[in-house]
């Protein structure tokens, strides 16, 4: 099983920061979904989904990532 980040609109897979490929076999394997989520958050990447790829593509799954909030965002109240 491979855990990949895929751009929702273009369907390209992340190979490296700023480097995308149409070939899932050339994409970076995060190995775990939380690593992929953390990477997207750390690099402010949006419009992504997690693609879970298996040897048999019949079992492949895609999970859209919700919009990521910037780290350390705090709500402020006006007085």
Protein backbone atom coordinates (compact mmCIF):
# COMPACT_ATOMS: atom_id res chain seq x y z
CA UNK A 1 0.00 0.00 0.00
CA UNK A 2 1.22 3.51 -0.86
CA UNK A 3 0.00 6.80 0.60
CA UNK A 4 0.26 9.66 -1.90
CA UNK A 5 -0.79 13.28 -2.11
CA UNK A 6 -2.76 14.10 -5.23
CA UNK A 7 -3.90 17.50 -6.51
CA UNK A 8 -7.70 17.36 -6.67
CA UNK A 9 -8.08 19.45 -9.84
CA UNK A 10 -5.13 18.27 -11.95
CA UNK A 11 -5.03 14.69 -10.60
CA UNK A 12 -1.21 14.95 -10.50
CA UNK A 13 0.72 13.24 -7.70
CA UNK A 14 3.31 14.93 -5.52
CA UNK A 15 6.84 13.77 -6.31
CA UNK A 16 8.55 16.48 -4.26
CA UNK A 17 7.87 20.02 -3.12
CA UNK A 18 6.79 21.87 -6.27
CA UNK A 19 7.28 18.71 -8.37
CA UNK A 20 4.21 16.84 -9.66
CA UNK A 21 3.81 13.76 -11.85
CA UNK A 22 0.90 12.03 -13.60
CA UNK A 23 2.50 8.66 -12.73
CA UNK A 24 1.54 7.36 -9.28
CA UNK A 25 4.58 5.06 -9.36
CA UNK A 26 6.90 8.09 -9.43
CA UNK A 27 5.10 9.88 -6.59
CA UNK A 28 6.48 10.24 -3.07
CA UNK A 29 5.10 7.57 -0.72
CA UNK A 30 4.36 9.08 2.70
CA UNK A 31 3.79 5.63 4.19
CA UNK A 32 1.13 6.95 6.57
CA UNK A 33 -1.79 9.32 6.05
CA UNK A 34 -0.84 11.53 9.02
CA UNK A 35 2.59 12.17 7.47
CA UNK A 36 0.89 13.29 4.26
CA UNK A 37 -1.49 15.58 6.18
CA UNK A 38 1.37 17.05 8.22
CA UNK A 39 3.41 17.69 5.06
CA UNK A 40 0.49 19.48 3.39
CA UNK A 41 -0.08 21.59 6.50
CA UNK A 42 3.61 22.45 6.98
CA UNK A 43 3.95 23.59 3.37
CA UNK A 44 0.52 25.30 3.14
CA UNK A 45 -0.58 23.05 0.26
CA UNK A 46 -4.28 23.22 -0.58
CA UNK A 47 -6.66 21.47 -2.97
CA UNK A 48 -5.24 18.05 -2.16
CA UNK A 49 -6.50 14.58 -1.54
CA UNK A 50 -4.85 11.49 -0.15
CA UNK A 51 -4.64 8.66 -2.66
CA UNK A 52 -4.26 5.21 -1.16
CA UNK A 53 -2.83 2.90 -3.82
CA UNK A 54 -2.79 -0.89 -3.62
CA UNK A 55 -1.19 -3.51 -5.84
CA UNK A 56 -4.67 -4.24 -7.17
CA UNK A 57 -6.07 -0.86 -8.32
CA UNK A 58 -9.60 -2.15 -7.71
CA UNK A 59 -9.03 -1.36 -4.03
CA UNK A 60 -7.57 2.16 -4.47
CA UNK A 61 -9.23 4.89 -2.40
CA UNK A 62 -9.15 8.68 -2.45
CA UNK A 63 -9.90 10.94 0.53
CA UNK A 64 -10.29 14.69 0.03
CA UNK A 65 -8.38 16.73 2.61
CA UNK A 66 -10.47 19.44 4.25
CA UNK A 67 -9.16 22.98 3.93
CA UNK A 68 -6.15 23.30 6.20
CA UNK A 69 -6.03 26.07 8.74
CA UNK A 70 -2.75 27.90 9.18
CA UNK A 71 -0.82 26.78 12.25
CA UNK A 72 -1.23 28.85 15.43
CA UNK A 73 -4.42 30.51 14.24
CA UNK A 74 -6.22 32.16 17.11
CA UNK A 75 -9.66 33.65 17.19
CA UNK A 76 -9.76 37.27 18.30
CA UNK A 77 -12.65 39.17 19.72
CA UNK A 78 -13.17 42.87 19.18
CA UNK A 79 -13.87 45.08 22.15
